[in-house]
Amino acid sequence: MDERLEAFKRLLDIMDKVREGCPWDSTQTIESLRHLTIEETYELSEAILAEDLNEVKKELGDLMLHLVFYAKIGSEKGAFDITDVLNGICDKMVVRHPHIFGDEKVENAEQVEQNWEKIKLEREHNRSVLGGVPQGLPSLLKAYRMHQKTAGVGFKWSSAEEAWNKVEEEKKELFDELRKSDNQDNIEAEYGDLLFALAAYGVYIGVNPDDALEKTNKKFKSRFSHVEQRAREMGKGVQHLTLEEMIGFWKEAKEKIKD
């Protein structure tokens, strides 16, 4: 037997045993696993951003266990089993890749994405273009995915330059609102429009804003930790440093910590 199939069968057999005999595993439900799956997904995300392939491997295993767990519960309820899950995704992949499994011709990845959006709309006539964007996504990532989805059906700027012009337009509207008003609702709305336009621009330059921001978050945390460490070396809490001292230590961190 293919060693991949052997490994997958081993996992299925282990799931059967722990589901039957473990006091914790036997009581879990689809609902009780949900938050744990979200946690595992974020741990995988962190490993990917850290470019730690060994950790990616471990986190993929954790997620695979969750997928098998859900399928096991589904089979107990008579709703679906692992075979249904695997055949479902196989069928979807065949439909999604007519350029591989059919006669469709494509020249680049963008055309593949556009074809997929059209295929989904043709197969599900009542489906909304944005219906496949989960409501629970983080807001910045949701904005990016909405732009990707609508671009896939042709609702997009003709160039990255035009997308950036929209960013500049929204920035101006925010600054105008700040100058003329102290209405926080209006300011928030304009700020949201600016963030939304920046998320759209990411589509045109091939940058996922959620990934980019998380990497910047990590960089900021690392550099500020250096500022705190230098404060401790001076026998101070960071709150007792002057702004000039903080800026000096921050510049040190920029030289030492490049990413």
C-alpha atoms as a PDB file:
ATOM      1  CA  MET A   1       0.000   0.000   0.000  1.00  0.00           C
ATOM      2  CA  ASP A   2       1.116   3.555  -0.684  1.00  0.00           C
ATOM      3  CA  GLU A   3       2.766   4.836   2.507  1.00  0.00           C
ATOM      4  CA  ARG A   4       0.591   7.965   2.345  1.00  0.00           C
ATOM      5  CA  LEU A   5      -2.527   5.832   2.460  1.00  0.00           C
ATOM      6  CA  GLU A   6      -1.065   3.748   5.270  1.00  0.00           C
ATOM      7  CA  ALA A   7      -0.365   6.874   7.319  1.00  0.00           C
ATOM      8  CA  PHE A   8      -3.875   8.223   6.708  1.00  0.00           C
ATOM      9  CA  LYS A   9      -5.468   4.875   7.624  1.00  0.00           C
ATOM     10  CA  ARG A  10      -3.396   4.845  10.816  1.00  0.00           C
ATOM     11  CA  LEU A  11      -4.794   8.229  11.778  1.00  0.00           C
ATOM     12  CA  LEU A  12      -8.354   7.074  11.062  1.00  0.00           C
ATOM     13  CA  ASP A  13      -7.837   3.946  13.185  1.00  0.00           C
ATOM     14  CA  ILE A  14      -6.406   6.006  16.046  1.00  0.00           C
ATOM     15  CA  MET A  15      -9.380   8.360  15.863  1.00  0.00           C
ATOM     16  CA  ASP A  16     -11.784   5.407  16.079  1.00  0.00           C
ATOM     17  CA  LYS A  17     -10.031   4.150  19.213  1.00  0.00           C
ATOM     18  CA  VAL A  18      -9.727   7.456  21.074  1.00  0.00           C
ATOM     19  CA  ARG A  19     -13.294   8.405  20.202  1.00  0.00           C
ATOM     20  CA  GLU A  20     -14.480   5.185  21.774  1.00  0.00           C
ATOM     21  CA  GLY A  21     -12.169   4.939  24.769  1.00  0.00           C
ATOM     22  CA  CYS A  22     -10.862   8.385  25.796  1.00  0.00           C
ATOM     23  CA  PRO A  23     -12.955  10.322  28.349  1.00  0.00           C
ATOM     24  CA  TRP A  24     -12.094  13.631  26.674  1.00  0.00           C
ATOM     25  CA  ASP A  25     -12.237  12.680  22.982  1.00  0.00           C
ATOM     26  CA  SER A  26     -15.473  10.741  23.407  1.00  0.00           C
ATOM     27  CA  THR A  27     -17.354  13.788  24.684  1.00  0.00           C
ATOM     28  CA  GLN A  28     -16.294  16.303  22.033  1.00  0.00           C
ATOM     29  CA  THR A  29     -18.769  17.777  19.567  1.00  0.00           C
ATOM     30  CA  ILE A  30     -18.402  19.801  16.384  1.00  0.00           C
ATOM     31  CA  GLU A  31     -19.251  22.888  18.445  1.00  0.00           C
ATOM     32  CA  SER A  32     -16.745  22.148  21.217  1.00  0.00           C
ATOM     33  CA  LEU A  33     -13.924  21.647  18.708  1.00  0.00           C
ATOM     34  CA  ARG A  34     -14.585  24.892  16.858  1.00  0.00           C
ATOM     35  CA  HIS A  35     -12.519  27.269  19.002  1.00  0.00           C
ATOM     36  CA  LEU A  36      -9.698  24.746  19.220  1.00  0.00           C
ATOM     37  CA  THR A  37      -9.582  24.496  15.427  1.00  0.00           C
ATOM     38  CA  ILE A  38      -9.398  28.284  15.162  1.00  0.00           C
ATOM     39  CA  GLU A  39      -6.503  28.259  17.645  1.00  0.00           C
ATOM     40  CA  GLU A  40      -4.681  25.574  15.643  1.00  0.00           C
ATOM     41  CA  THR A  41      -5.184  27.578  12.450  1.00  0.00           C
ATOM     42  CA  TYR A  42      -3.575  30.638  14.012  1.00  0.00           C
ATOM     43  CA  GLU A  43      -0.676  28.508  15.249  1.00  0.00           C
ATOM     44  CA  LEU A  44      -0.158  27.253  11.700  1.00  0.00           C
ATOM     45  CA  SER A  45      -0.290  30.847  10.465  1.00  0.00           C
ATOM     46  CA  GLU A  46       2.421  31.861  12.937  1.00  0.00           C
ATOM     47  CA  ALA A  47       4.638  28.979  11.834  1.00  0.00           C
ATOM     48  CA  ILE A  48       4.196  29.965   8.187  1.00  0.00           C
ATOM     49  CA  LEU A  49       5.076  33.598   8.845  1.00  0.00           C
ATOM     50  CA  ALA A  50       8.117  32.453  10.839  1.00  0.00           C
ATOM     51  CA  GLU A  51       9.129  30.279   7.863  1.00  0.00           C
ATOM     52  CA  ASP A  52       9.600  27.382  10.309  1.00  0.00           C
ATOM     53  CA  LEU A  53       8.849  24.373   8.122  1.00  0.00           C
ATOM     54  CA  ASN A  54       9.304  21.871  10.943  1.00  0.00           C
ATOM     55  CA  GLU A  55       6.680  23.723  12.968  1.00  0.00           C
ATOM     56  CA  VAL A  56       4.456  23.972   9.874  1.00  0.00           C
ATOM     57  CA  LYS A  57       4.623  20.177   9.628  1.00  0.00           C
ATOM     58  CA  LYS A  58       3.560  19.788  13.269  1.00  0.00           C
ATOM     59  CA  GLU A  59       0.708  22.275  12.976  1.00  0.00           C
ATOM     60  CA  LEU A  60      -0.536  20.626   9.781  1.00  0.00           C
ATOM     61  CA  GLY A  61      -0.722  17.384  11.749  1.00  0.00           C
ATOM     62  CA  ASP A  62      -2.794  19.070  14.441  1.00  0.00           C
ATOM     63  CA  LEU A  63      -5.172  20.465  11.828  1.00  0.00           C
ATOM     64  CA  MET A  64      -5.392  17.119  10.057  1.00  0.00           C
ATOM     65  CA  LEU A  65      -6.426  15.538  13.331  1.00  0.00           C
ATOM     66  CA  HIS A  66      -9.212  18.089  13.659  1.00  0.00           C
ATOM     67  CA  LEU A  67     -10.453  17.383  10.136  1.00  0.00           C
ATOM     68  CA  VAL A  68     -10.580  13.664  10.827  1.00  0.00           C
ATOM     69  CA  PHE A  69     -12.280  14.369  14.159  1.00  0.00           C
ATOM     70  CA  TYR A  70     -15.049  16.376  12.480  1.00  0.00           C
ATOM     71  CA  ALA A  71     -15.541  13.635   9.888  1.00  0.00           C
ATOM     72  CA  LYS A  72     -15.785  11.021  12.646  1.00  0.00           C
ATOM     73  CA  ILE A  73     -18.481  13.000  14.424  1.00  0.00           C
ATOM     74  CA  GLY A  74     -20.271  13.530  11.114  1.00  0.00           C
ATOM     75  CA  SER A  75     -20.314   9.782  10.485  1.00  0.00           C
ATOM     76  CA  GLU A  76     -21.728   9.142  13.959  1.00  0.00           C
ATOM     77  CA  LYS A  77     -24.565  11.523  13.164  1.00  0.00           C
ATOM     78  CA  GLY A  78     -25.152   9.889   9.793  1.00  0.00           C
ATOM     79  CA  ALA A  79     -24.512  13.211   8.073  1.00  0.00           C
ATOM     80  CA  PHE A  80     -21.223  12.510   6.257  1.00  0.00           C
ATOM     81  CA  ASP A  81     -18.003  10.577   6.668  1.00  0.00           C
ATOM     82  CA  ILE A  82     -14.376  11.011   5.645  1.00  0.00           C
ATOM     83  CA  THR A  83     -15.081   9.428   2.257  1.00  0.00           C
ATOM     84  CA  ASP A  84     -17.762  12.033   1.555  1.00  0.00           C
ATOM     85  CA  VAL A  85     -15.400  14.810   2.603  1.00  0.00           C
ATOM     86  CA  LEU A  86     -12.550  13.599   0.396  1.00  0.00           C
ATOM     87  CA  ASN A  87     -14.736  12.883  -2.620  1.00  0.00           C
ATOM     88  CA  GLY A  88     -16.349  16.296  -2.231  1.00  0.00           C
ATOM     89  CA  ILE A  89     -13.069  18.151  -2.382  1.00  0.00           C
ATOM     90  CA  CYS A  90     -11.825  15.930  -5.236  1.00  0.00           C
ATOM     91  CA  ASP A  91     -14.940  16.751  -7.263  1.00  0.00           C
ATOM     92  CA  LYS A  92     -14.467  20.441  -6.539  1.00  0.00           C
ATOM     93  CA  MET A  93     -10.823  20.356  -7.636  1.00  0.00           C
ATOM     94  CA  VAL A  94     -11.726  18.684 -10.932  1.00  0.00           C
ATOM     95  CA  VAL A  95     -14.426  21.278 -11.617  1.00  0.00           C
ATOM     96  CA  ARG A  96     -12.131  24.122 -10.555  1.00  0.00           C
ATOM     97  CA  HIS A  97      -9.374  23.046 -12.961  1.00  0.00           C
ATOM     98  CA  PRO A  98     -10.953  22.615 -16.397  1.00  0.00           C
ATOM     99  CA  HIS A  99      -7.565  23.606 -17.826  1.00  0.00           C
ATOM    100  CA  ILE A 100      -6.183  20.393 -16.288  1.00  0.00           C
ATOM    101  CA  PHE A 101      -9.129  18.002 -16.463  1.00  0.00           C
ATOM    102  CA  GLY A 102     -10.892  19.513 -19.482  1.00  0.00           C
ATOM    103  CA  ASP A 103     -10.275  21.548 -22.609  1.00  0.00           C
ATOM    104  CA  GLU A 104     -10.063  25.032 -21.072  1.00  0.00           C
ATOM    105  CA  LYS A 105      -6.976  27.092 -21.925  1.00  0.00           C
ATOM    106  CA  VAL A 106      -5.425  29.574 -19.484  1.00  0.00           C
ATOM    107  CA  GLU A 107      -2.291  31.682 -19.612  1.00  0.00           C
ATOM    108  CA  ASN A 108      -1.776  32.686 -15.994  1.00  0.00           C
ATOM    109  CA  ALA A 109      -2.968  32.333 -12.395  1.00  0.00           C
ATOM    110  CA  GLU A 110      -5.261  35.367 -12.710  1.00  0.00           C
ATOM    111  CA  GLN A 111      -7.245  33.642 -15.440  1.00  0.00           C
ATOM    112  CA  VAL A 112      -7.551  30.546 -13.242  1.00  0.00           C
ATOM    113  CA  GLU A 113      -9.088  32.645 -10.465  1.00  0.00           C
ATOM    114  CA  GLN A 114     -11.454  34.407 -12.866  1.00  0.00           C
ATOM    115  CA  ASN A 115     -12.606  31.086 -14.321  1.00  0.00           C
ATOM    116  CA  TRP A 116     -13.244  29.705 -10.853  1.00  0.00           C
ATOM    117  CA  GLU A 117     -15.482  32.598  -9.882  1.00  0.00           C
ATOM    118  CA  LYS A 118     -17.427  32.236 -13.129  1.00  0.00           C
ATOM    119  CA  ILE A 119     -17.770  28.467 -12.642  1.00  0.00           C
ATOM    120  CA  LYS A 120     -19.165  28.946  -9.139  1.00  0.00           C
ATOM    121  CA  LEU A 121     -21.717  31.496 -10.335  1.00  0.00           C
ATOM    122  CA  GLU A 122     -22.774  29.311 -13.270  1.00  0.00           C
ATOM    123  CA  ARG A 123     -23.171  26.194 -11.118  1.00  0.00           C
ATOM    124  CA  GLU A 124     -24.984  28.022  -8.331  1.00  0.00           C
ATOM    125  CA  HIS A 125     -27.172  30.610 -10.062  1.00  0.00           C
ATOM    126  CA  ASN A 126     -28.381  32.211  -6.825  1.00  0.00           C
ATOM    127  CA  ARG A 127     -24.947  32.442  -5.289  1.00  0.00           C
ATOM    128  CA  SER A 128     -23.609  35.880  -4.410  1.00  0.00           C
ATOM    129  CA  VAL A 129     -20.090  36.703  -5.542  1.00  0.00           C
ATOM    130  CA  LEU A 130     -19.275  37.669  -1.950  1.00  0.00           C
ATOM    131  CA  GLY A 131     -21.189  34.780  -0.415  1.00  0.00           C
ATOM    132  CA  GLY A 132     -18.037  32.702  -0.108  1.00  0.00           C
ATOM    133  CA  VAL A 133     -16.270  35.239   2.119  1.00  0.00           C
ATOM    134  CA  PRO A 134     -16.764  34.090   5.734  1.00  0.00           C
ATOM    135  CA  GLN A 135     -18.298  36.687   8.043  1.00  0.00           C
ATOM    136  CA  GLY A 136     -15.901  35.641  10.802  1.00  0.00           C
ATOM    137  CA  LEU A 137     -12.731  36.604   8.920  1.00  0.00           C
ATOM    138  CA  PRO A 138     -10.613  39.380  10.446  1.00  0.00           C
ATOM    139  CA  SER A 139     -11.791  42.653   8.911  1.00  0.00           C
ATOM    140  CA  LEU A 140      -8.635  43.493   6.960  1.00  0.00           C
ATOM    141  CA  LEU A 141      -8.435  40.013   5.456  1.00  0.00           C
ATOM    142  CA  LYS A 142     -12.170  40.106   4.696  1.00  0.00           C
ATOM    143  CA  ALA A 143     -11.726  43.373   2.764  1.00  0.00           C
ATOM    144  CA  TYR A 144      -8.867  41.856   0.765  1.00  0.00           C
ATOM    145  CA  ARG A 145     -10.862  38.710  -0.062  1.00  0.00           C
ATOM    146  CA  MET A 146     -13.901  40.740  -1.107  1.00  0.00           C
ATOM    147  CA  HIS A 147     -11.746  42.699  -3.530  1.00  0.00           C
ATOM    148  CA  GLN A 148     -10.282  39.460  -4.884  1.00  0.00           C
ATOM    149  CA  LYS A 149     -13.735  37.972  -5.367  1.00  0.00           C
ATOM    150  CA  THR A 150     -15.212  40.969  -7.165  1.00  0.00           C
ATOM    151  CA  ALA A 151     -12.077  41.404  -9.279  1.00  0.00           C
ATOM    152  CA  GLY A 152     -12.563  37.804 -10.371  1.00  0.00           C
ATOM    153  CA  VAL A 153     -15.796  38.774 -12.143  1.00  0.00           C
ATOM    154  CA  GLY A 154     -14.340  41.934 -13.677  1.00  0.00           C
ATOM    155  CA  PHE A 155     -15.264  44.559 -11.049  1.00  0.00           C
ATOM    156  CA  LYS A 156     -11.825  46.090 -10.622  1.00  0.00           C
ATOM    157  CA  TRP A 157      -9.517  48.973 -11.424  1.00  0.00           C
ATOM    158  CA  SER A 158      -7.698  48.721 -14.748  1.00  0.00           C
ATOM    159  CA  SER A 159      -4.278  49.113 -13.121  1.00  0.00           C
ATOM    160  CA  ALA A 160      -2.416  49.290  -9.827  1.00  0.00           C
ATOM    161  CA  GLU A 161      -1.968  53.013 -10.438  1.00  0.00           C
ATOM    162  CA  GLU A 162      -5.732  53.548 -10.530  1.00  0.00           C
ATOM    163  CA  ALA A 163      -6.098  51.503  -7.350  1.00  0.00           C
ATOM    164  CA  TRP A 164      -3.498  53.713  -5.665  1.00  0.00           C
ATOM    165  CA  ASN A 165      -5.290  56.861  -6.843  1.00  0.00           C
ATOM    166  CA  LYS A 166      -8.297  55.598  -4.895  1.00  0.00           C
ATOM    167  CA  VAL A 167      -6.114  55.316  -1.809  1.00  0.00           C
ATOM    168  CA  GLU A 168      -5.005  58.930  -2.266  1.00  0.00           C
ATOM    169  CA  GLU A 169      -8.620  60.020  -2.750  1.00  0.00           C
ATOM    170  CA  GLU A 170      -9.726  58.303   0.452  1.00  0.00           C
ATOM    171  CA  LYS A 171      -6.759  59.736   2.355  1.00  0.00           C
ATOM    172  CA  LYS A 172      -7.727  63.234   1.274  1.00  0.00           C
ATOM    173  CA  GLU A 173     -11.338  62.664   2.340  1.00  0.00           C
ATOM    174  CA  LEU A 174     -10.178  61.515   5.769  1.00  0.00           C
ATOM    175  CA  PHE A 175      -7.941  64.556   6.230  1.00  0.00           C
ATOM    176  CA  ASP A 176     -10.716  66.861   5.028  1.00  0.00           C
ATOM    177  CA  GLU A 177     -13.073  65.341   7.587  1.00  0.00           C
ATOM    178  CA  LEU A 178     -10.497  65.725  10.357  1.00  0.00           C
ATOM    179  CA  ARG A 179     -10.035  69.395   9.509  1.00  0.00           C
ATOM    180  CA  LYS A 180     -13.685  70.342   9.284  1.00  0.00           C
ATOM    181  CA  SER A 181     -15.345  68.159  11.884  1.00  0.00           C
ATOM    182  CA  ASP A 182     -15.026  66.406  15.218  1.00  0.00           C
ATOM    183  CA  ASN A 183     -17.813  63.960  14.335  1.00  0.00           C
ATOM    184  CA  GLN A 184     -16.216  60.659  15.353  1.00  0.00           C
ATOM    185  CA  ASP A 185     -18.649  58.559  13.317  1.00  0.00           C
ATOM    186  CA  ASN A 186     -17.726  60.432  10.129  1.00  0.00           C
ATOM    187  CA  ILE A 187     -14.024  60.211  10.908  1.00  0.00           C
ATOM    188  CA  GLU A 188     -14.313  56.483  11.566  1.00  0.00           C
ATOM    189  CA  ALA A 189     -16.185  55.991   8.283  1.00  0.00           C
ATOM    190  CA  GLU A 190     -13.520  57.830   6.296  1.00  0.00           C
ATOM    191  CA  TYR A 191     -10.752  55.927   8.088  1.00  0.00           C
ATOM    192  CA  GLY A 192     -12.511  52.666   7.223  1.00  0.00           C
ATOM    193  CA  ASP A 193     -12.760  53.724   3.571  1.00  0.00           C
ATOM    194  CA  LEU A 194      -9.003  54.386   3.535  1.00  0.00           C
ATOM    195  CA  LEU A 195      -8.217  50.964   5.011  1.00  0.00           C
ATOM    196  CA  PHE A 196     -10.583  49.342   2.521  1.00  0.00           C
ATOM    197  CA  ALA A 197      -8.843  51.088  -0.390  1.00  0.00           C
ATOM    198  CA  LEU A 198      -5.435  49.970   0.911  1.00  0.00           C
ATOM    199  CA  ALA A 199      -6.699  46.394   1.118  1.00  0.00           C
ATOM    200  CA  ALA A 200      -7.835  46.693  -2.505  1.00  0.00           C
ATOM    201  CA  TYR A 201      -4.429  47.999  -3.553  1.00  0.00           C
ATOM    202  CA  GLY A 202      -2.874  44.863  -2.080  1.00  0.00           C
ATOM    203  CA  VAL A 203      -4.706  42.803  -4.705  1.00  0.00           C
ATOM    204  CA  TYR A 204      -3.015  44.768  -7.495  1.00  0.00           C
ATOM    205  CA  ILE A 205       0.505  44.498  -6.100  1.00  0.00           C
ATOM    206  CA  GLY A 206       0.222  40.888  -4.939  1.00  0.00           C
ATOM    207  CA  VAL A 207       0.400  41.636  -1.210  1.00  0.00           C
ATOM    208  CA  ASN A 208      -1.991  40.170   1.340  1.00  0.00           C
ATOM    209  CA  PRO A 209      -2.500  43.072   3.788  1.00  0.00           C
ATOM    210  CA  ASP A 210      -3.168  40.735   6.706  1.00  0.00           C
ATOM    211  CA  ASP A 211       0.168  38.965   6.207  1.00  0.00           C
ATOM    212  CA  ALA A 212       1.974  42.251   5.675  1.00  0.00           C
ATOM    213  CA  LEU A 213       0.509  43.822   8.800  1.00  0.00           C
ATOM    214  CA  GLU A 214       1.239  40.763  10.943  1.00  0.00           C
ATOM    215  CA  LYS A 215       4.879  40.814   9.862  1.00  0.00           C
ATOM    216  CA  THR A 216       5.037  44.508  10.756  1.00  0.00           C
ATOM    217  CA  ASN A 217       3.401  43.748  14.119  1.00  0.00           C
ATOM    218  CA  LYS A 218       6.122  41.202  14.845  1.00  0.00           C
ATOM    219  CA  LYS A 219       8.822  43.649  13.779  1.00  0.00           C
ATOM    220  CA  PHE A 220       7.374  46.394  15.995  1.00  0.00           C
ATOM    221  CA  LYS A 221       7.135  44.019  18.971  1.00  0.00           C
ATOM    222  CA  SER A 222      10.715  42.880  18.535  1.00  0.00           C
ATOM    223  CA  ARG A 223      12.039  46.430  18.298  1.00  0.00           C
ATOM    224  CA  PHE A 224      10.040  47.707  21.246  1.00  0.00           C
ATOM    225  CA  SER A 225      11.227  44.732  23.300  1.00  0.00           C
ATOM    226  CA  HIS A 226      14.738  46.023  22.629  1.00  0.00           C
ATOM    227  CA  VAL A 227      13.717  49.438  23.987  1.00  0.00           C
ATOM    228  CA  GLU A 228      12.366  47.751  27.142  1.00  0.00           C
ATOM    229  CA  GLN A 229      15.547  45.717  27.520  1.00  0.00           C
ATOM    230  CA  ARG A 230      17.718  48.836  27.278  1.00  0.00           C
ATOM    231  CA  ALA A 231      15.535  50.486  29.911  1.00  0.00           C
ATOM    232  CA  ARG A 232      16.072  47.528  32.244  1.00  0.00           C
ATOM    233  CA  GLU A 233      19.805  47.786  31.678  1.00  0.00           C
ATOM    234  CA  MET A 234      19.550  51.370  32.949  1.00  0.00           C
ATOM    235  CA  GLY A 235      17.605  50.176  35.985  1.00  0.00           C
ATOM    236  CA  LYS A 236      14.420  51.860  34.756  1.00  0.00           C
ATOM    237  CA  GLY A 237      10.974  50.895  33.667  1.00  0.00           C
ATOM    238  CA  VAL A 238      10.312  51.827  30.071  1.00  0.00           C
ATOM    239  CA  GLN A 239       7.702  54.330  31.230  1.00  0.00           C
ATOM    240  CA  HIS A 240      10.474  56.322  32.919  1.00  0.00           C
ATOM    241  CA  LEU A 241      12.509  56.818  29.759  1.00  0.00           C
ATOM    242  CA  THR A 242      12.319  60.144  27.993  1.00  0.00           C
ATOM    243  CA  LEU A 243      10.919  60.159  24.479  1.00  0.00           C
ATOM    244  CA  GLU A 244      14.389  61.009  23.193  1.00  0.00           C
ATOM    245  CA  GLU A 245      15.825  57.943  24.952  1.00  0.00           C
ATOM    246  CA  MET A 246      13.093  55.735  23.536  1.00  0.00           C
ATOM    247  CA  ILE A 247      13.720  57.025  20.018  1.00  0.00           C
ATOM    248  CA  GLY A 248      17.459  56.443  20.435  1.00  0.00           C
ATOM    249  CA  PHE A 249      16.961  52.847  21.545  1.00  0.00           C
ATOM    250  CA  TRP A 250      14.404  52.356  18.782  1.00  0.00           C
ATOM    251  CA  LYS A 251      16.995  53.424  16.221  1.00  0.00           C
ATOM    252  CA  GLU A 252      19.417  50.946  17.783  1.00  0.00           C
ATOM    253  CA  ALA A 253      16.825  48.213  17.347  1.00  0.00           C
ATOM    254  CA  LYS A 254      16.290  49.161  13.702  1.00  0.00           C
ATOM    255  CA  GLU A 255      20.003  48.680  13.082  1.00  0.00           C
ATOM    256  CA  LYS A 256      20.169  45.364  14.960  1.00  0.00           C
ATOM    257  CA  ILE A 257      16.772  43.890  14.073  1.00  0.00           C
ATOM    258  CA  LYS A 258      16.079  44.069  10.384  1.00  0.00           C
ATOM    259  CA  ASP A 259      12.920  41.945  10.334  1.00  0.00           C
END
